[in-house]
Amino acid sequence: MNLESVIAGFEEDGYALIPDLLSAEQLARLRAVTDDIAASANPDEGDTAVIDFEEAKPGRSRPIQRIKKPHRVDPFYMELASHPAILQVVERLIGPSIRLNHSKINMKSADGGAALEWHQDWAFAPHTNMSTCVASVMIDDADADNGAMQVLAGSHRGPLIEHHDEDGYFVGVIAPDAPEMDLSTVKMLSGPAGTVAFHHPLTIHGSGTNRSGRQRRILFLEYAASDAFPLFYPVDWPEYDSRIVKGAPTSCVRVEPNPIKLPFPSRAGSSIYKVQVTAKKRYFAEVG
């Protein structure tokens, strides 16, 4: 990995893509741990504190859509969040004291796993400063056919685009006809399993429906500087501090004059999948 090239690309385009950042052994363990959690899920029980399911396709059981907060489910995910090569990049992007802000595994099942519409993470997760970023760890090979992530290069320069509908409800979607949307800048974040992509909180991104016979799973590790305080959820301080993966915790908060619009009110809670369904204008729902 040429770190200087990675950082320069991120600063220019709002994302960076690093193939084979995980070793074969780390990838094998990531897959095994994820498979074990998935195998324990029972679609007949419906959504749980750990698992969200998609709606069932005809003749099939409900596939898993998301593993929620996997760092609380198995310690391996917290171990992976402290991966030296990942933190080497994150430190250059947001500073030396780093908290794992959140984690999730989005799972696109074969032959129809759901799309995620264009959005900016900052609309879902504003903090007192914008020293945040996401590392997306590809558990499977990702390409256009199975719903790889797509980004609009350069969109990290802003602005924060509207994610509420005309009635004032948060829908978590940027309307495809919004004047700020320049689809000529789309880049596909394709790569083999073990690739890690990094993106800025204002980078516009989304992903299409999985049209292939292969599943597509991505572990999202969301990081924030330790002095970036979340503005949208309550904090259990001991648990909050337990997610420091580099540097020291702090109760000092750095406040910057960034654009903020909270993800409220919502008709469908905080799940991006559920809230996006309420949007009237969607891009991937039309093009796949």
Foldseek 3Di string as FASTA:
>chain_A
DPLVVQVVQCVQFQKGKFAQPDDPVLLVVVVVVVVVVQVPDDLVVADDPFWHWDDDDPPGGTHTFKGFQCCVVDVSVLVVLLPPVVVVNLCVQQHFWKFQPTKMKGKAAAAWGAKFFKAFQCQQWPWLDQSKKKKKAWSAFDDQQFKAKKWQTPQLVDDHADQADPVGAGLRHHFCPPPVDDVVRIDGNGHGGNMMMMGGRRIIMMIAHNRHNDMTMIMMGMMHHLQTGTDADDDPVVVRQVRTSGDHHDPHHDGDPGDYDHNDDAPQPSDNVRSNVPDPGGDNVVVD
